[in-house]
Amino acid sequence: MMPPYFVYPQPKPKGYNPLNGAMEGADIAYTQKGWINNVTFGKFIDHFDKIAGPNRPVVLLFDSVSSHIDLDVFLSANKRGIELYVLCRMRHI
């Protein structure tokens, strides 16, 4: 099972760690609004890489939110044996 990767809004809390009590290996990132962006998506791929194990290639399916579409992240993942596939939503005409 993959430990969660949380994205919280800034500012980072002082005096407590949101990961206290979380599953071992959980990770956290902070953005202005608490939404994933290109930078935090890249950090999520790093998190996934640590958890995915040594057998490669491994496939990761994800949605087509614009922050998930980043050439640098795709190339970096590909070099580590992570194949990224975007699930596109069909639109009715």
N, C-alpha and C. Protein backbone atom coordinates (compact mmCIF):
# COMPACT_ATOMS: atom_id res chain seq x y z
N MET A 1 0.85 -1.16 0.00
CA MET A 1 0.00 0.00 0.00
C MET A 1 0.90 1.23 0.00
N MET A 2 0.50 2.23 -0.76
CA MET A 2 1.29 3.46 -0.85
C MET A 2 0.87 4.44 0.24
N PRO A 3 1.83 4.92 1.03
CA PRO A 3 1.50 5.95 2.02
C PRO A 3 1.03 7.22 1.32
N PRO A 4 0.14 7.96 1.95
CA PRO A 4 -0.43 9.15 1.30
C PRO A 4 0.58 10.27 1.12
N TYR A 5 0.27 11.10 0.16
CA TYR A 5 1.01 12.33 -0.12
C TYR A 5 -0.02 13.45 -0.01
N PHE A 6 0.13 14.30 0.99
CA PHE A 6 -0.83 15.36 1.26
C PHE A 6 -0.36 16.68 0.68
N VAL A 7 -1.30 17.51 0.24
CA VAL A 7 -1.01 18.88 -0.17
C VAL A 7 -1.91 19.78 0.67
N TYR A 8 -1.29 20.64 1.45
CA TYR A 8 -2.00 21.55 2.35
C TYR A 8 -1.75 22.99 1.93
N PRO A 9 -2.69 23.89 2.30
CA PRO A 9 -2.47 25.31 2.02
C PRO A 9 -1.42 25.89 2.97
N GLN A 10 -0.67 26.86 2.44
CA GLN A 10 0.27 27.59 3.28
C GLN A 10 -0.52 28.56 4.14
N PRO A 11 0.02 29.01 5.23
CA PRO A 11 1.37 28.76 5.72
C PRO A 11 1.46 27.40 6.42
N LYS A 12 2.68 26.93 6.48
CA LYS A 12 2.98 25.69 7.19
C LYS A 12 2.64 25.89 8.67
N PRO A 13 1.93 24.94 9.29
CA PRO A 13 1.57 25.13 10.69
C PRO A 13 2.78 25.16 11.61
N LYS A 14 2.70 25.99 12.61
CA LYS A 14 3.77 26.06 13.61
C LYS A 14 3.26 25.38 14.87
N GLY A 15 4.11 24.61 15.48
CA GLY A 15 3.75 23.99 16.74
C GLY A 15 3.18 22.59 16.61
N TYR A 16 2.86 22.17 15.39
CA TYR A 16 2.42 20.78 15.25
C TYR A 16 2.72 20.31 13.83
N ASN A 17 2.86 19.01 13.69
CA ASN A 17 3.16 18.39 12.41
C ASN A 17 1.92 17.64 11.93
N PRO A 18 1.33 18.03 10.79
CA PRO A 18 0.14 17.34 10.29
C PRO A 18 0.36 15.85 10.02
N LEU A 19 1.62 15.42 9.93
CA LEU A 19 1.90 14.01 9.69
C LEU A 19 1.95 13.18 10.97
N ASN A 20 1.83 13.83 12.14
CA ASN A 20 1.78 13.06 13.38
C ASN A 20 0.59 12.11 13.33
N GLY A 21 0.86 10.83 13.52
CA GLY A 21 -0.20 9.83 13.48
C GLY A 21 -0.49 9.29 12.09
N ALA A 22 0.17 9.83 11.08
CA ALA A 22 -0.04 9.36 9.71
C ALA A 22 0.72 8.06 9.49
N MET A 23 0.34 7.36 8.44
CA MET A 23 1.01 6.12 8.06
C MET A 23 2.50 6.40 7.83
N GLU A 24 3.34 5.45 8.22
CA GLU A 24 4.77 5.59 7.99
C GLU A 24 5.04 5.79 6.50
N GLY A 25 5.89 6.74 6.17
CA GLY A 25 6.24 7.02 4.78
C GLY A 25 5.37 8.10 4.14
N ALA A 26 4.35 8.57 4.86
CA ALA A 26 3.51 9.64 4.32
C ALA A 26 4.36 10.89 4.14
N ASP A 27 3.98 11.72 3.18
CA ASP A 27 4.73 12.94 2.90
C ASP A 27 3.74 14.09 2.72
N ILE A 28 4.26 15.30 2.77
CA ILE A 28 3.40 16.47 2.72
C ILE A 28 4.08 17.58 1.93
N ALA A 29 3.29 18.37 1.25
CA ALA A 29 3.76 19.56 0.54
C ALA A 29 2.78 20.69 0.82
N TYR A 30 3.24 21.90 0.64
CA TYR A 30 2.40 23.08 0.88
C TYR A 30 2.39 23.95 -0.37
N THR A 31 1.20 24.41 -0.73
CA THR A 31 1.06 25.38 -1.82
C THR A 31 0.17 26.51 -1.32
N GLN A 32 0.12 27.57 -2.09
CA GLN A 32 -0.63 28.74 -1.67
C GLN A 32 -2.09 28.40 -1.34
N LYS A 33 -2.75 27.64 -2.19
CA LYS A 33 -4.16 27.33 -1.97
C LYS A 33 -4.42 25.90 -1.51
N GLY A 34 -3.36 25.10 -1.41
CA GLY A 34 -3.56 23.71 -1.01
C GLY A 34 -3.92 22.81 -2.17
N TRP A 35 -3.70 23.28 -3.39
CA TRP A 35 -3.95 22.49 -4.59
C TRP A 35 -2.61 22.06 -5.17
N ILE A 36 -2.58 20.88 -5.75
CA ILE A 36 -1.34 20.41 -6.37
C ILE A 36 -0.99 21.30 -7.56
N ASN A 37 0.31 21.52 -7.76
CA ASN A 37 0.78 22.28 -8.92
C ASN A 37 1.92 21.47 -9.55
N ASN A 38 2.56 22.03 -10.56
CA ASN A 38 3.62 21.29 -11.26
C ASN A 38 4.75 20.88 -10.31
N VAL A 39 5.12 21.76 -9.40
CA VAL A 39 6.20 21.48 -8.46
C VAL A 39 5.80 20.35 -7.51
N THR A 40 4.62 20.44 -6.93
CA THR A 40 4.19 19.40 -5.99
C THR A 40 3.89 18.09 -6.72
N PHE A 41 3.50 18.15 -7.98
CA PHE A 41 3.32 16.92 -8.75
C PHE A 41 4.67 16.22 -8.94
N GLY A 42 5.71 17.00 -9.22
CA GLY A 42 7.05 16.44 -9.33
C GLY A 42 7.49 15.80 -8.03
N LYS A 43 7.16 16.44 -6.90
CA LYS A 43 7.50 15.87 -5.59
C LYS A 43 6.69 14.60 -5.32
N PHE A 44 5.43 14.59 -5.81
CA PHE A 44 4.64 13.36 -5.67
C PHE A 44 5.30 12.21 -6.45
N ILE A 45 5.82 12.49 -7.64
CA ILE A 45 6.50 11.45 -8.43
C ILE A 45 7.72 10.94 -7.66
N ASP A 46 8.45 11.84 -7.00
CA ASP A 46 9.58 11.42 -6.15
C ASP A 46 9.09 10.49 -5.05
N HIS A 47 7.97 10.85 -4.42
CA HIS A 47 7.37 10.04 -3.36
C HIS A 47 6.97 8.67 -3.91
N PHE A 48 6.32 8.65 -5.05
CA PHE A 48 5.90 7.41 -5.70
C PHE A 48 7.12 6.54 -6.03
N ASP A 49 8.18 7.17 -6.52
CA ASP A 49 9.40 6.45 -6.90
C ASP A 49 9.98 5.70 -5.70
N LYS A 50 9.98 6.32 -4.53
CA LYS A 50 10.52 5.68 -3.32
C LYS A 50 9.69 4.47 -2.91
N ILE A 51 8.38 4.54 -3.13
CA ILE A 51 7.47 3.52 -2.65
C ILE A 51 7.28 2.39 -3.66
N ALA A 52 7.46 2.68 -4.95
CA ALA A 52 7.09 1.75 -6.02
C ALA A 52 7.93 0.48 -6.07
N GLY A 53 9.07 0.47 -5.42
CA GLY A 53 9.90 -0.72 -5.43
C GLY A 53 10.84 -0.76 -6.62
N PRO A 54 11.70 -1.77 -6.67
CA PRO A 54 12.75 -1.81 -7.69
C PRO A 54 12.33 -2.37 -9.05
N ASN A 55 11.22 -3.09 -9.13
CA ASN A 55 10.82 -3.68 -10.41
C ASN A 55 10.28 -2.60 -11.34
N ARG A 56 10.95 -2.40 -12.43
CA ARG A 56 10.57 -1.36 -13.39
C ARG A 56 10.49 -1.96 -14.78
N PRO A 57 9.71 -1.42 -15.69
CA PRO A 57 8.93 -0.19 -15.51
C PRO A 57 7.69 -0.44 -14.66
N VAL A 58 7.20 0.66 -14.10
CA VAL A 58 5.96 0.66 -13.34
C VAL A 58 5.06 1.72 -13.98
N VAL A 59 3.76 1.49 -13.99
CA VAL A 59 2.81 2.39 -14.63
C VAL A 59 2.04 3.16 -13.57
N LEU A 60 1.90 4.47 -13.78
CA LEU A 60 1.09 5.31 -12.91
C LEU A 60 0.03 5.99 -13.77
N LEU A 61 -1.23 5.75 -13.45
CA LEU A 61 -2.35 6.36 -14.14
C LEU A 61 -2.83 7.55 -13.32
N PHE A 62 -3.15 8.65 -13.99
CA PHE A 62 -3.64 9.84 -13.29
C PHE A 62 -4.54 10.65 -14.19
N ASP A 63 -5.24 11.61 -13.59
CA ASP A 63 -6.20 12.41 -14.35
C ASP A 63 -5.50 13.51 -15.15
N SER A 64 -6.28 14.22 -15.93
CA SER A 64 -5.72 15.20 -16.87
C SER A 64 -5.76 16.64 -16.35
N VAL A 65 -5.73 16.83 -15.04
CA VAL A 65 -5.65 18.17 -14.48
C VAL A 65 -4.39 18.84 -15.01
N SER A 66 -4.47 20.10 -15.37
CA SER A 66 -3.35 20.79 -16.04
C SER A 66 -2.06 20.74 -15.23
N SER A 67 -2.14 20.74 -13.91
CA SER A 67 -0.92 20.69 -13.10
C SER A 67 -0.23 19.33 -13.17
N HIS A 68 -0.90 18.32 -13.69
CA HIS A 68 -0.30 17.00 -13.85
C HIS A 68 0.38 16.83 -15.20
N ILE A 69 0.28 17.82 -16.06
CA ILE A 69 0.85 17.72 -17.39
C ILE A 69 2.08 18.62 -17.44
N ASP A 70 3.26 18.01 -17.27
CA ASP A 70 4.50 18.77 -17.23
C ASP A 70 5.60 17.93 -17.87
N LEU A 71 6.18 18.43 -18.95
CA LEU A 71 7.18 17.68 -19.70
C LEU A 71 8.37 17.29 -18.84
N ASP A 72 8.87 18.21 -18.01
CA ASP A 72 10.02 17.89 -17.16
C ASP A 72 9.72 16.74 -16.20
N VAL A 73 8.52 16.74 -15.63
CA VAL A 73 8.13 15.67 -14.72
C VAL A 73 8.03 14.35 -15.49
N PHE A 74 7.43 14.39 -16.69
CA PHE A 74 7.31 13.18 -17.51
C PHE A 74 8.68 12.61 -17.84
N LEU A 75 9.60 13.46 -18.26
CA LEU A 75 10.95 13.00 -18.63
C LEU A 75 11.70 12.43 -17.43
N SER A 76 11.59 13.10 -16.29
CA SER A 76 12.24 12.63 -15.08
C SER A 76 11.68 11.27 -14.66
N ALA A 77 10.37 11.13 -14.70
CA ALA A 77 9.73 9.86 -14.34
C ALA A 77 10.18 8.75 -15.29
N ASN A 78 10.21 9.06 -16.58
CA ASN A 78 10.60 8.08 -17.59
C ASN A 78 12.02 7.57 -17.35
N LYS A 79 12.93 8.45 -16.97
CA LYS A 79 14.32 8.05 -16.69
C LYS A 79 14.39 7.09 -15.51
N ARG A 80 13.41 7.16 -14.61
CA ARG A 80 13.39 6.29 -13.43
C ARG A 80 12.52 5.05 -13.64
N GLY A 81 12.06 4.85 -14.87
CA GLY A 81 11.26 3.66 -15.16
C GLY A 81 9.82 3.77 -14.74
N ILE A 82 9.33 5.00 -14.61
CA ILE A 82 7.92 5.24 -14.27
C ILE A 82 7.22 5.72 -15.53
N GLU A 83 6.28 4.93 -16.01
CA GLU A 83 5.51 5.29 -17.20
C GLU A 83 4.24 6.01 -16.75
N LEU A 84 4.10 7.26 -17.15
CA LEU A 84 2.94 8.07 -16.77
C LEU A 84 1.91 8.04 -17.89
N TYR A 85 0.68 7.72 -17.53
CA TYR A 85 -0.41 7.70 -18.51
C TYR A 85 -1.56 8.54 -18.00
N VAL A 86 -1.99 9.48 -18.83
CA VAL A 86 -3.09 10.37 -18.50
C VAL A 86 -4.40 9.73 -18.91
N LEU A 87 -5.34 9.69 -17.98
CA LEU A 87 -6.69 9.22 -18.28
C LEU A 87 -7.51 10.43 -18.73
N CYS A 88 -7.93 10.41 -19.98
CA CYS A 88 -8.69 11.53 -20.52
C CYS A 88 -10.18 11.25 -20.36
N ARG A 89 -10.90 12.28 -20.07
CA ARG A 89 -12.34 12.17 -19.93
C ARG A 89 -12.99 12.42 -21.27
N MET A 90 -13.88 11.53 -21.66
CA MET A 90 -14.60 11.69 -22.92
C MET A 90 -15.70 12.75 -22.74
N ARG A 91 -15.82 13.60 -23.72
CA ARG A 91 -16.87 14.64 -23.66
C ARG A 91 -17.95 14.32 -24.68
N HIS A 92 -19.17 14.53 -24.28
CA HIS A 92 -20.28 14.32 -25.21
C HIS A 92 -20.48 15.57 -26.06
N ILE A 93 -20.76 15.35 -27.30
CA ILE A 93 -20.98 16.49 -28.22
C ILE A 93 -22.45 16.74 -28.39
